[in-house]
Amino acid sequence: RYVASRATYAIAGHAALEAYADHAAATDVVMLSCFGDPGLHALKEVAHQPVIGMAEASCQAAAALGGRFSIVTGGERWGPMLRECVGTFGLSERLASVVTVAPTGADIARNPDQALSTLIAACQSAIATQGAASVILGGAGLAGLARRLQPHVPVPLIDSVEALVQAAERLGAANRANPDANRLPIETVGLVPSLTKLMADA
């Protein structure tokens, strides 16, 4: 139900490929709506449509603001995973820090009011100790909280869900095929029929 470790990250990447295979024909843009972007590069390899991930879009938005950025998210295991993820976007030098809080994104979504003070402290710590010029609130569970936290944080806050939707809208308006697609026909076993067909079709 929630991606919170490397094992669940791998499972989510497989699930993302299955979801694309089931709905590829009716798709204009692929939005990977999980911060950390499990399966992002695999989707870019097989999808004919443009693909954008939540973390990818958020990091691009933060980088466009200038300076270094930090990520604040729920789930204590996400730190090294997100640093690796940002590295795949070529933005490691722009990443000031990843600050994780103990409640998971799912916990925060269930009771956002209880998490507000913890998230404010995490954002303020990223600014004070790492000099972040902007902070990404990473994860669907934190959607909508940037507006509530912004009065308490002296640098721009980026809502990762808003960043994803805005990036997808730009890709859709451009009406271009996926420039990164590099699909090769591969024989597979044990997959659902839609994914078997996707992998077999060049």
N, C-alpha and C. Protein backbone atom coordinates (compact mmCIF):
# COMPACT_ATOMS: atom_id res chain seq x y z
N ARG A 1 0.82 -1.21 0.00
CA ARG A 1 0.00 0.00 0.00
C ARG A 1 0.85 1.26 0.00
N TYR A 2 2.08 1.16 0.50
CA TYR A 2 2.92 2.35 0.60
C TYR A 2 4.37 1.96 0.33
N VAL A 3 5.06 2.75 -0.49
CA VAL A 3 6.46 2.49 -0.82
C VAL A 3 7.33 3.08 0.29
N ALA A 4 8.03 2.20 1.00
CA ALA A 4 8.81 2.68 2.15
C ALA A 4 10.13 1.94 2.31
N SER A 5 10.56 1.20 1.28
CA SER A 5 11.81 0.45 1.35
C SER A 5 12.22 0.11 -0.07
N ARG A 6 13.43 -0.42 -0.22
CA ARG A 6 13.89 -0.79 -1.56
C ARG A 6 13.06 -1.93 -2.15
N ALA A 7 12.64 -2.86 -1.30
CA ALA A 7 11.84 -3.98 -1.81
C ALA A 7 10.49 -3.48 -2.33
N THR A 8 9.84 -2.61 -1.56
CA THR A 8 8.55 -2.10 -2.02
C THR A 8 8.72 -1.16 -3.22
N TYR A 9 9.86 -0.50 -3.30
CA TYR A 9 10.17 0.34 -4.45
C TYR A 9 10.25 -0.51 -5.73
N ALA A 10 10.89 -1.68 -5.63
CA ALA A 10 10.99 -2.57 -6.78
C ALA A 10 9.62 -3.09 -7.19
N ILE A 11 8.80 -3.43 -6.22
CA ILE A 11 7.45 -3.91 -6.51
C ILE A 11 6.64 -2.81 -7.20
N ALA A 12 6.79 -1.58 -6.73
CA ALA A 12 6.06 -0.47 -7.32
C ALA A 12 6.49 -0.21 -8.76
N GLY A 13 7.78 -0.39 -9.05
CA GLY A 13 8.24 -0.22 -10.42
C GLY A 13 7.59 -1.22 -11.36
N HIS A 14 7.47 -2.47 -10.92
CA HIS A 14 6.79 -3.49 -11.71
C HIS A 14 5.32 -3.11 -11.89
N ALA A 15 4.69 -2.66 -10.81
CA ALA A 15 3.28 -2.28 -10.89
C ALA A 15 3.07 -1.11 -11.86
N ALA A 16 4.02 -0.18 -11.89
CA ALA A 16 3.91 0.95 -12.82
C ALA A 16 3.96 0.48 -14.26
N LEU A 17 4.83 -0.47 -14.57
CA LEU A 17 4.89 -1.03 -15.92
C LEU A 17 3.60 -1.74 -16.28
N GLU A 18 3.04 -2.50 -15.34
CA GLU A 18 1.76 -3.17 -15.59
C GLU A 18 0.66 -2.15 -15.87
N ALA A 19 0.62 -1.10 -15.06
CA ALA A 19 -0.43 -0.08 -15.23
C ALA A 19 -0.31 0.57 -16.60
N TYR A 20 0.91 0.87 -17.01
CA TYR A 20 1.10 1.46 -18.34
C TYR A 20 0.65 0.47 -19.42
N ALA A 21 1.05 -0.78 -19.29
CA ALA A 21 0.68 -1.77 -20.31
C ALA A 21 -0.83 -1.89 -20.44
N ASP A 22 -1.56 -1.78 -19.33
CA ASP A 22 -3.01 -1.91 -19.35
C ASP A 22 -3.70 -0.70 -19.99
N HIS A 23 -3.04 0.46 -19.96
CA HIS A 23 -3.72 1.69 -20.38
C HIS A 23 -2.95 2.47 -21.44
N ALA A 24 -1.96 1.87 -22.05
CA ALA A 24 -1.09 2.60 -22.98
C ALA A 24 -1.85 3.22 -24.14
N ALA A 25 -2.84 2.51 -24.66
CA ALA A 25 -3.53 2.97 -25.86
C ALA A 25 -4.32 4.26 -25.62
N ALA A 26 -4.75 4.48 -24.39
CA ALA A 26 -5.60 5.65 -24.08
C ALA A 26 -4.81 6.74 -23.37
N THR A 27 -3.50 6.77 -23.57
CA THR A 27 -2.64 7.66 -22.79
C THR A 27 -1.99 8.72 -23.67
N ASP A 28 -2.02 9.98 -23.20
CA ASP A 28 -1.31 11.06 -23.88
C ASP A 28 0.01 11.38 -23.19
N VAL A 29 0.00 11.35 -21.87
CA VAL A 29 1.18 11.61 -21.05
C VAL A 29 1.16 10.63 -19.89
N VAL A 30 2.32 10.11 -19.53
CA VAL A 30 2.42 9.20 -18.39
C VAL A 30 2.94 9.98 -17.19
N MET A 31 2.13 10.05 -16.13
CA MET A 31 2.52 10.70 -14.88
C MET A 31 2.77 9.61 -13.85
N LEU A 32 3.99 9.51 -13.37
CA LEU A 32 4.32 8.54 -12.34
C LEU A 32 4.12 9.20 -10.98
N SER A 33 3.01 8.86 -10.35
CA SER A 33 2.55 9.61 -9.17
C SER A 33 3.00 8.97 -7.87
N CYS A 34 4.29 8.75 -7.76
CA CYS A 34 4.89 8.27 -6.52
C CYS A 34 6.23 8.97 -6.37
N PHE A 35 6.40 9.72 -5.29
CA PHE A 35 7.65 10.45 -5.12
C PHE A 35 8.78 9.45 -4.92
N GLY A 36 9.84 9.62 -5.70
CA GLY A 36 10.90 8.63 -5.76
C GLY A 36 10.92 7.94 -7.10
N ASP A 37 9.80 8.05 -7.81
CA ASP A 37 9.70 7.63 -9.22
C ASP A 37 10.09 6.19 -9.50
N PRO A 38 9.52 5.20 -8.79
CA PRO A 38 9.83 3.80 -9.09
C PRO A 38 9.39 3.42 -10.50
N GLY A 39 10.32 2.88 -11.26
CA GLY A 39 10.01 2.47 -12.62
C GLY A 39 10.10 3.57 -13.65
N LEU A 40 10.53 4.77 -13.27
CA LEU A 40 10.54 5.90 -14.20
C LEU A 40 11.35 5.62 -15.45
N HIS A 41 12.57 5.17 -15.28
CA HIS A 41 13.45 5.00 -16.44
C HIS A 41 13.03 3.80 -17.28
N ALA A 42 12.43 2.81 -16.64
CA ALA A 42 11.87 1.70 -17.41
C ALA A 42 10.68 2.17 -18.23
N LEU A 43 9.82 3.00 -17.66
CA LEU A 43 8.69 3.54 -18.42
C LEU A 43 9.17 4.40 -19.59
N LYS A 44 10.20 5.18 -19.37
CA LYS A 44 10.72 6.01 -20.46
C LYS A 44 11.29 5.15 -21.58
N GLU A 45 11.74 3.97 -21.23
CA GLU A 45 12.29 3.07 -22.23
C GLU A 45 11.19 2.44 -23.10
N VAL A 46 10.03 2.17 -22.52
CA VAL A 46 9.00 1.42 -23.26
C VAL A 46 7.83 2.27 -23.74
N ALA A 47 7.61 3.43 -23.16
CA ALA A 47 6.43 4.21 -23.49
C ALA A 47 6.63 5.02 -24.77
N HIS A 48 5.58 5.07 -25.58
CA HIS A 48 5.62 5.93 -26.77
C HIS A 48 5.29 7.37 -26.41
N GLN A 49 4.58 7.56 -25.30
CA GLN A 49 4.19 8.89 -24.86
C GLN A 49 5.27 9.49 -23.95
N PRO A 50 5.27 10.81 -23.79
CA PRO A 50 6.19 11.41 -22.82
C PRO A 50 5.88 10.94 -21.41
N VAL A 51 6.92 10.78 -20.60
CA VAL A 51 6.80 10.27 -19.23
C VAL A 51 7.44 11.27 -18.28
N ILE A 52 6.76 11.55 -17.17
CA ILE A 52 7.31 12.45 -16.16
C ILE A 52 7.01 11.86 -14.78
N GLY A 53 8.00 11.92 -13.90
CA GLY A 53 7.82 11.42 -12.54
C GLY A 53 7.63 12.56 -11.56
N MET A 54 7.04 12.24 -10.42
CA MET A 54 6.77 13.25 -9.41
C MET A 54 8.06 13.86 -8.86
N ALA A 55 9.03 13.02 -8.54
CA ALA A 55 10.30 13.54 -8.04
C ALA A 55 11.04 14.29 -9.15
N GLU A 56 11.01 13.74 -10.35
CA GLU A 56 11.68 14.39 -11.48
C GLU A 56 11.12 15.79 -11.71
N ALA A 57 9.80 15.91 -11.77
CA ALA A 57 9.17 17.21 -12.01
C ALA A 57 9.47 18.18 -10.88
N SER A 58 9.45 17.69 -9.65
CA SER A 58 9.70 18.55 -8.50
C SER A 58 11.13 19.07 -8.49
N CYS A 59 12.08 18.18 -8.78
CA CYS A 59 13.49 18.58 -8.80
C CYS A 59 13.76 19.57 -9.94
N GLN A 60 13.11 19.37 -11.07
CA GLN A 60 13.26 20.32 -12.17
C GLN A 60 12.71 21.69 -11.78
N ALA A 61 11.56 21.69 -11.09
CA ALA A 61 10.97 22.95 -10.65
C ALA A 61 11.87 23.65 -9.64
N ALA A 62 12.44 22.88 -8.72
CA ALA A 62 13.33 23.48 -7.72
C ALA A 62 14.60 24.01 -8.37
N ALA A 63 15.15 23.26 -9.29
CA ALA A 63 16.37 23.70 -9.97
C ALA A 63 16.14 24.99 -10.75
N ALA A 64 14.93 25.12 -11.31
CA ALA A 64 14.62 26.32 -12.09
C ALA A 64 14.56 27.57 -11.23
N LEU A 65 14.35 27.40 -9.92
CA LEU A 65 14.30 28.55 -9.01
C LEU A 65 15.70 29.09 -8.69
N GLY A 66 16.72 28.27 -8.95
CA GLY A 66 18.09 28.67 -8.65
C GLY A 66 18.51 28.24 -7.26
N GLY A 67 19.80 28.15 -7.05
CA GLY A 67 20.33 27.72 -5.76
C GLY A 67 20.14 26.23 -5.55
N ARG A 68 20.47 25.80 -4.34
CA ARG A 68 20.34 24.39 -3.99
C ARG A 68 19.00 24.16 -3.31
N PHE A 69 18.49 22.95 -3.44
CA PHE A 69 17.19 22.64 -2.88
C PHE A 69 17.29 21.43 -1.94
N SER A 70 16.35 21.36 -1.02
CA SER A 70 16.23 20.21 -0.14
C SER A 70 14.90 19.53 -0.37
N ILE A 71 14.84 18.28 0.05
CA ILE A 71 13.60 17.51 -0.01
C ILE A 71 13.21 17.15 1.42
N VAL A 72 11.97 17.38 1.75
CA VAL A 72 11.40 16.95 3.03
C VAL A 72 10.30 15.95 2.72
N THR A 73 10.38 14.79 3.34
CA THR A 73 9.39 13.76 3.04
C THR A 73 9.19 12.85 4.24
N GLY A 74 8.11 12.08 4.21
CA GLY A 74 7.82 11.14 5.28
C GLY A 74 8.40 9.77 4.98
N GLY A 75 8.85 9.08 6.02
CA GLY A 75 9.41 7.73 5.85
C GLY A 75 10.91 7.75 6.00
N GLU A 76 11.42 7.16 7.07
CA GLU A 76 12.83 7.31 7.43
C GLU A 76 13.80 6.61 6.47
N ARG A 77 13.35 5.64 5.70
CA ARG A 77 14.26 4.94 4.79
C ARG A 77 14.47 5.64 3.46
N TRP A 78 13.74 6.73 3.23
CA TRP A 78 13.79 7.36 1.92
C TRP A 78 15.06 8.16 1.66
N GLY A 79 15.84 8.50 2.68
CA GLY A 79 17.00 9.37 2.48
C GLY A 79 17.95 8.92 1.39
N PRO A 80 18.60 7.77 1.55
CA PRO A 80 19.54 7.34 0.51
C PRO A 80 18.87 7.03 -0.82
N MET A 81 17.63 6.54 -0.77
CA MET A 81 16.92 6.24 -2.02
C MET A 81 16.67 7.50 -2.83
N LEU A 82 16.31 8.59 -2.14
CA LEU A 82 16.04 9.83 -2.86
C LEU A 82 17.31 10.49 -3.35
N ARG A 83 18.39 10.38 -2.58
CA ARG A 83 19.66 10.94 -3.08
C ARG A 83 20.08 10.23 -4.37
N GLU A 84 19.90 8.93 -4.42
CA GLU A 84 20.20 8.18 -5.65
C GLU A 84 19.28 8.61 -6.78
N CYS A 85 18.00 8.79 -6.46
CA CYS A 85 17.02 9.19 -7.46
C CYS A 85 17.40 10.53 -8.07
N VAL A 86 17.73 11.50 -7.24
CA VAL A 86 18.10 12.83 -7.74
C VAL A 86 19.35 12.73 -8.61
N GLY A 87 20.24 11.83 -8.27
CA GLY A 87 21.43 11.63 -9.08
C GLY A 87 21.11 11.20 -10.50
N THR A 88 20.06 10.43 -10.68
CA THR A 88 19.70 9.98 -12.03
C THR A 88 19.17 11.12 -12.89
N PHE A 89 18.79 12.24 -12.25
CA PHE A 89 18.34 13.42 -13.00
C PHE A 89 19.51 14.36 -13.31
N GLY A 90 20.71 14.01 -12.83
CA GLY A 90 21.87 14.87 -13.02
C GLY A 90 21.86 16.10 -12.14
N LEU A 91 21.19 16.01 -10.99
CA LEU A 91 21.04 17.18 -10.13
C LEU A 91 21.66 17.00 -8.73
N SER A 92 22.53 16.03 -8.59
CA SER A 92 23.12 15.77 -7.27
C SER A 92 23.78 17.01 -6.66
N GLU A 93 24.46 17.80 -7.48
CA GLU A 93 25.16 18.97 -6.96
C GLU A 93 24.19 20.06 -6.52
N ARG A 94 22.96 20.00 -6.98
CA ARG A 94 21.96 21.00 -6.59
C ARG A 94 21.19 20.58 -5.34
N LEU A 95 21.35 19.32 -4.94
CA LEU A 95 20.62 18.81 -3.78
C LEU A 95 21.35 19.16 -2.50
N ALA A 96 20.73 19.99 -1.67
CA ALA A 96 21.36 20.36 -0.40
C ALA A 96 21.20 19.25 0.63
N SER A 97 20.02 18.66 0.72
CA SER A 97 19.79 17.62 1.71
C SER A 97 18.46 16.93 1.45
N VAL A 98 18.33 15.74 2.02
CA VAL A 98 17.05 15.05 2.12
C VAL A 98 16.76 14.90 3.60
N VAL A 99 15.65 15.47 4.03
CA VAL A 99 15.26 15.41 5.44
C VAL A 99 14.02 14.54 5.55
N THR A 100 14.14 13.42 6.25
CA THR A 100 13.00 12.54 6.42
C THR A 100 12.44 12.69 7.83
N VAL A 101 11.13 12.56 7.92
CA VAL A 101 10.46 12.60 9.22
C VAL A 101 9.89 11.22 9.49
N ALA A 102 9.68 10.92 10.75
CA ALA A 102 9.27 9.57 11.12
C ALA A 102 7.92 9.16 10.56
N PRO A 103 6.88 10.01 10.59
CA PRO A 103 5.62 9.58 10.00
C PRO A 103 5.79 9.32 8.50
N THR A 104 5.17 8.27 8.01
CA THR A 104 5.19 8.02 6.57
C THR A 104 4.26 9.01 5.88
N GLY A 105 4.37 9.06 4.56
CA GLY A 105 3.45 9.90 3.80
C GLY A 105 2.01 9.51 4.04
N ALA A 106 1.76 8.21 4.18
CA ALA A 106 0.39 7.74 4.46
C ALA A 106 -0.08 8.24 5.82
N ASP A 107 0.82 8.22 6.82
CA ASP A 107 0.46 8.74 8.15
C ASP A 107 0.13 10.22 8.09
N ILE A 108 0.93 10.96 7.34
CA ILE A 108 0.72 12.41 7.23
C ILE A 108 -0.60 12.70 6.53
N ALA A 109 -0.92 11.94 5.49
CA ALA A 109 -2.17 12.15 4.77
C ALA A 109 -3.38 11.87 5.66
N ARG A 110 -3.25 10.88 6.56
CA ARG A 110 -4.36 10.55 7.45
C ARG A 110 -4.58 11.63 8.51
N ASN A 111 -3.49 12.28 8.96
CA ASN A 111 -3.61 13.28 10.01
C ASN A 111 -2.62 14.41 9.76
N PRO A 112 -2.88 15.25 8.75
CA PRO A 112 -1.92 16.30 8.41
C PRO A 112 -1.72 17.32 9.52
N ASP A 113 -2.77 17.62 10.26
CA ASP A 113 -2.63 18.62 11.32
C ASP A 113 -1.58 18.22 12.34
N GLN A 114 -1.54 16.93 12.66
CA GLN A 114 -0.58 16.46 13.66
C GLN A 114 0.85 16.55 13.15
N ALA A 115 1.03 16.53 11.82
CA ALA A 115 2.38 16.52 11.24
C ALA A 115 2.92 17.92 10.94
N LEU A 116 2.09 18.94 11.03
CA LEU A 116 2.51 20.27 10.59
C LEU A 116 3.76 20.77 11.31
N SER A 117 3.79 20.68 12.62
CA SER A 117 4.94 21.21 13.37
C SER A 117 6.22 20.44 13.03
N THR A 118 6.09 19.13 12.83
CA THR A 118 7.25 18.31 12.46
C THR A 118 7.78 18.72 11.09
N LEU A 119 6.88 18.95 10.15
CA LEU A 119 7.29 19.33 8.80
C LEU A 119 7.89 20.73 8.77
N ILE A 120 7.33 21.64 9.55
CA ILE A 120 7.90 22.99 9.62
C ILE A 120 9.33 22.93 10.16
N ALA A 121 9.53 22.16 11.22
CA ALA A 121 10.87 22.04 11.80
C ALA A 121 11.84 21.42 10.80
N ALA A 122 11.39 20.43 10.02
CA ALA A 122 12.25 19.79 9.03
C ALA A 122 12.65 20.78 7.94
N CYS A 123 11.69 21.59 7.48
CA CYS A 123 11.99 22.59 6.45
C CYS A 123 12.97 23.63 6.99
N GLN A 124 12.73 24.11 8.19
CA GLN A 124 13.60 25.12 8.78
C GLN A 124 15.01 24.58 9.02
N SER A 125 15.11 23.30 9.37
CA SER A 125 16.41 22.68 9.56
C SER A 125 17.18 22.62 8.23
N ALA A 126 16.48 22.26 7.16
CA ALA A 126 17.13 22.18 5.84
C ALA A 126 17.69 23.53 5.42
N ILE A 127 16.98 24.58 5.76
CA ILE A 127 17.42 25.93 5.39
C ILE A 127 18.58 26.37 6.28
N ALA A 128 18.44 26.16 7.58
CA ALA A 128 19.44 26.66 8.53
C ALA A 128 20.75 25.89 8.44
N THR A 129 20.70 24.59 8.27
CA THR A 129 21.92 23.78 8.32
C THR A 129 22.52 23.51 6.95
N GLN A 130 21.69 23.51 5.91
CA GLN A 130 22.20 23.16 4.58
C GLN A 130 22.08 24.29 3.56
N GLY A 131 21.48 25.39 3.97
CA GLY A 131 21.38 26.54 3.08
C GLY A 131 20.46 26.35 1.90
N ALA A 132 19.43 25.55 2.06
CA ALA A 132 18.50 25.31 0.95
C ALA A 132 17.82 26.60 0.53
N ALA A 133 17.77 26.84 -0.79
CA ALA A 133 17.09 28.01 -1.33
C ALA A 133 15.64 27.73 -1.66
N SER A 134 15.27 26.46 -1.67
CA SER A 134 13.88 26.04 -1.83
C SER A 134 13.75 24.65 -1.23
N VAL A 135 12.53 24.26 -0.91
CA VAL A 135 12.29 22.96 -0.30
C VAL A 135 11.14 22.28 -1.02
N ILE A 136 11.36 21.04 -1.41
CA ILE A 136 10.31 20.21 -2.00
C ILE A 136 9.63 19.43 -0.88
N LEU A 137 8.31 19.50 -0.83
CA LEU A 137 7.54 18.62 0.04
C LEU A 137 7.19 17.40 -0.78
N GLY A 138 7.92 16.32 -0.56
CA GLY A 138 7.87 15.17 -1.44
C GLY A 138 6.82 14.15 -1.04
N GLY A 139 5.96 13.81 -1.98
CA GLY A 139 5.02 12.72 -1.76
C GLY A 139 3.57 13.14 -1.86
N ALA A 140 2.75 12.24 -2.38
CA ALA A 140 1.33 12.53 -2.52
C ALA A 140 0.67 12.77 -1.17
N GLY A 141 1.21 12.13 -0.12
CA GLY A 141 0.65 12.31 1.21
C GLY A 141 0.81 13.72 1.75
N LEU A 142 1.71 14.50 1.14
CA LEU A 142 1.95 15.87 1.58
C LEU A 142 1.28 16.89 0.66
N ALA A 143 0.48 16.41 -0.28
CA ALA A 143 -0.18 17.30 -1.24
C ALA A 143 -1.03 18.33 -0.51
N GLY A 144 -0.93 19.58 -0.93
CA GLY A 144 -1.72 20.64 -0.36
C GLY A 144 -1.13 21.29 0.88
N LEU A 145 -0.07 20.72 1.43
CA LEU A 145 0.47 21.26 2.68
C LEU A 145 1.42 22.43 2.46
N ALA A 146 1.92 22.60 1.24
CA ALA A 146 2.87 23.70 1.00
C ALA A 146 2.24 25.05 1.34
N ARG A 147 0.98 25.23 0.98
CA ARG A 147 0.32 26.50 1.26
C ARG A 147 0.18 26.74 2.76
N ARG A 148 -0.05 25.67 3.50
CA ARG A 148 -0.22 25.83 4.95
C ARG A 148 1.12 26.07 5.65
N LEU A 149 2.18 25.48 5.10
CA LEU A 149 3.49 25.62 5.73
C LEU A 149 4.23 26.89 5.31
N GLN A 150 3.91 27.42 4.12
CA GLN A 150 4.70 28.51 3.55
C GLN A 150 4.84 29.72 4.48
N PRO A 151 3.81 30.13 5.23
CA PRO A 151 4.00 31.29 6.11
C PRO A 151 5.06 31.08 7.19
N HIS A 152 5.44 29.83 7.43
CA HIS A 152 6.41 29.53 8.49
C HIS A 152 7.80 29.20 7.93
N VAL A 153 7.93 29.25 6.61
CA VAL A 153 9.19 28.85 5.96
C VAL A 153 9.64 29.98 5.04
N PRO A 154 10.87 30.48 5.17
CA PRO A 154 11.28 31.69 4.46
C PRO A 154 11.79 31.47 3.03
N VAL A 155 11.67 30.27 2.50
CA VAL A 155 12.06 30.02 1.11
C VAL A 155 10.88 29.35 0.40
N PRO A 156 10.87 29.34 -0.95
CA PRO A 156 9.74 28.73 -1.65
C PRO A 156 9.59 27.24 -1.33
N LEU A 157 8.35 26.83 -1.12
CA LEU A 157 8.01 25.42 -0.94
C LEU A 157 7.37 24.91 -2.22
N ILE A 158 7.77 23.72 -2.62
CA ILE A 158 7.25 23.11 -3.84
C ILE A 158 6.39 21.92 -3.48
N ASP A 159 5.13 21.95 -3.89
CA ASP A 159 4.21 20.83 -3.72
C ASP A 159 4.50 19.85 -4.85
N SER A 160 4.92 18.64 -4.52
CA SER A 160 5.36 17.69 -5.55
C SER A 160 4.22 17.27 -6.48
N VAL A 161 3.00 17.23 -5.97
CA VAL A 161 1.86 16.87 -6.82
C VAL A 161 1.58 17.99 -7.82
N GLU A 162 1.59 19.23 -7.35
CA GLU A 162 1.38 20.35 -8.26
C GLU A 162 2.48 20.41 -9.33
N ALA A 163 3.72 20.17 -8.92
CA ALA A 163 4.83 20.20 -9.87
C ALA A 163 4.64 19.13 -10.94
N LEU A 164 4.18 17.93 -10.54
CA LEU A 164 3.96 16.84 -11.48
C LEU A 164 2.87 17.21 -12.49
N VAL A 165 1.75 17.72 -12.00
CA VAL A 165 0.64 18.05 -12.90
C VAL A 165 1.04 19.16 -13.87
N GLN A 166 1.73 20.17 -13.38
CA GLN A 166 2.15 21.26 -14.25
C GLN A 166 3.11 20.77 -15.33
N ALA A 167 4.04 19.89 -14.96
CA ALA A 167 4.98 19.35 -15.94
C ALA A 167 4.26 18.49 -16.96
N ALA A 168 3.29 17.69 -16.52
CA ALA A 168 2.53 16.84 -17.44
C ALA A 168 1.71 17.69 -18.41
N GLU A 169 1.15 18.78 -17.92
CA GLU A 169 0.39 19.67 -18.80
C GLU A 169 1.29 20.25 -19.88
N ARG A 170 2.50 20.63 -19.51
CA ARG A 170 3.43 21.17 -20.51
C ARG A 170 3.79 20.11 -21.54
N LEU A 171 4.03 18.89 -21.09
CA LEU A 171 4.36 17.81 -22.02
C LEU A 171 3.19 17.51 -22.94
N GLY A 172 1.98 17.50 -22.38
CA GLY A 172 0.81 17.24 -23.19
C GLY A 172 0.58 18.32 -24.23
N ALA A 173 0.79 19.57 -23.84
CA ALA A 173 0.61 20.67 -24.77
C ALA A 173 1.63 20.62 -25.90
N ALA A 174 2.82 20.11 -25.61
CA ALA A 174 3.85 20.00 -26.64
C ALA A 174 3.51 18.94 -27.68
N ASN A 175 2.68 17.95 -27.27
CA ASN A 175 2.18 16.93 -28.19
C ASN A 175 3.31 16.22 -28.94
N ARG A 176 4.31 15.81 -28.19
CA ARG A 176 5.45 15.11 -28.79
C ARG A 176 5.51 13.68 -28.28
N ALA A 177 6.10 12.82 -29.08
CA ALA A 177 6.33 11.44 -28.63
C ALA A 177 7.47 11.43 -27.62
N ASN A 178 7.61 10.33 -26.92
CA ASN A 178 8.66 10.19 -25.92
C ASN A 178 10.02 10.13 -26.61
N PRO A 179 10.89 11.13 -26.37
CA PRO A 179 12.19 11.14 -27.05
C PRO A 179 13.15 10.10 -26.50
N ASP A 180 12.84 9.54 -25.33
CA ASP A 180 13.76 8.59 -24.69
C ASP A 180 13.43 7.13 -24.99
N ALA A 181 12.34 6.89 -25.73
CA ALA A 181 11.92 5.51 -25.97
C ALA A 181 13.01 4.74 -26.72
N ASN A 182 13.31 3.55 -26.23
CA ASN A 182 14.33 2.70 -26.84
C ASN A 182 13.93 1.25 -26.63
N ARG A 183 12.73 0.94 -27.10
CA ARG A 183 12.16 -0.37 -26.83
C ARG A 183 12.76 -1.43 -27.75
N LEU A 184 13.10 -2.57 -27.16
CA LEU A 184 13.54 -3.75 -27.91
C LEU A 184 12.59 -4.89 -27.60
N PRO A 185 12.23 -5.69 -28.60
CA PRO A 185 11.34 -6.83 -28.30
C PRO A 185 12.06 -7.85 -27.41
N ILE A 186 11.41 -8.20 -26.31
CA ILE A 186 12.00 -9.12 -25.34
C ILE A 186 10.99 -10.21 -25.00
N GLU A 187 11.41 -11.46 -25.09
CA GLU A 187 10.55 -12.57 -24.70
C GLU A 187 10.56 -12.67 -23.17
N THR A 188 9.38 -12.76 -22.57
CA THR A 188 9.28 -12.82 -21.12
C THR A 188 8.42 -14.01 -20.71
N VAL A 189 8.46 -14.35 -19.44
CA VAL A 189 7.61 -15.40 -18.89
C VAL A 189 7.01 -14.92 -17.58
N GLY A 190 5.80 -15.37 -17.29
CA GLY A 190 5.19 -15.12 -15.99
C GLY A 190 4.61 -13.75 -15.78
N LEU A 191 4.49 -12.94 -16.82
CA LEU A 191 3.92 -11.60 -16.68
C LEU A 191 2.45 -11.62 -17.05
N VAL A 192 1.72 -10.57 -16.65
CA VAL A 192 0.33 -10.45 -17.08
C VAL A 192 0.32 -10.27 -18.59
N PRO A 193 -0.77 -10.67 -19.27
CA PRO A 193 -0.78 -10.64 -20.74
C PRO A 193 -0.47 -9.27 -21.34
N SER A 194 -0.99 -8.21 -20.75
CA SER A 194 -0.75 -6.88 -21.33
C SER A 194 0.73 -6.50 -21.27
N LEU A 195 1.42 -6.86 -20.18
CA LEU A 195 2.83 -6.53 -20.07
C LEU A 195 3.66 -7.45 -20.95
N THR A 196 3.26 -8.71 -21.07
CA THR A 196 3.93 -9.63 -21.99
C THR A 196 3.91 -9.06 -23.41
N LYS A 197 2.74 -8.57 -23.83
CA LYS A 197 2.59 -8.01 -25.17
C LYS A 197 3.42 -6.73 -25.34
N LEU A 198 3.40 -5.89 -24.31
CA LEU A 198 4.17 -4.65 -24.39
C LEU A 198 5.66 -4.96 -24.57
N MET A 199 6.16 -5.91 -23.80
CA MET A 199 7.58 -6.22 -23.88
C MET A 199 7.95 -6.90 -25.19
N ALA A 200 7.00 -7.57 -25.82
CA ALA A 200 7.29 -8.29 -27.07
C ALA A 200 7.21 -7.38 -28.30
N ASP A 201 6.47 -6.29 -28.18
CA ASP A 201 6.27 -5.40 -29.34
C ASP A 201 7.38 -4.37 -29.40
N ALA A 202 8.04 -4.29 -30.54
CA ALA A 202 9.10 -3.29 -30.72
C ALA A 202 8.49 -1.96 -31.07
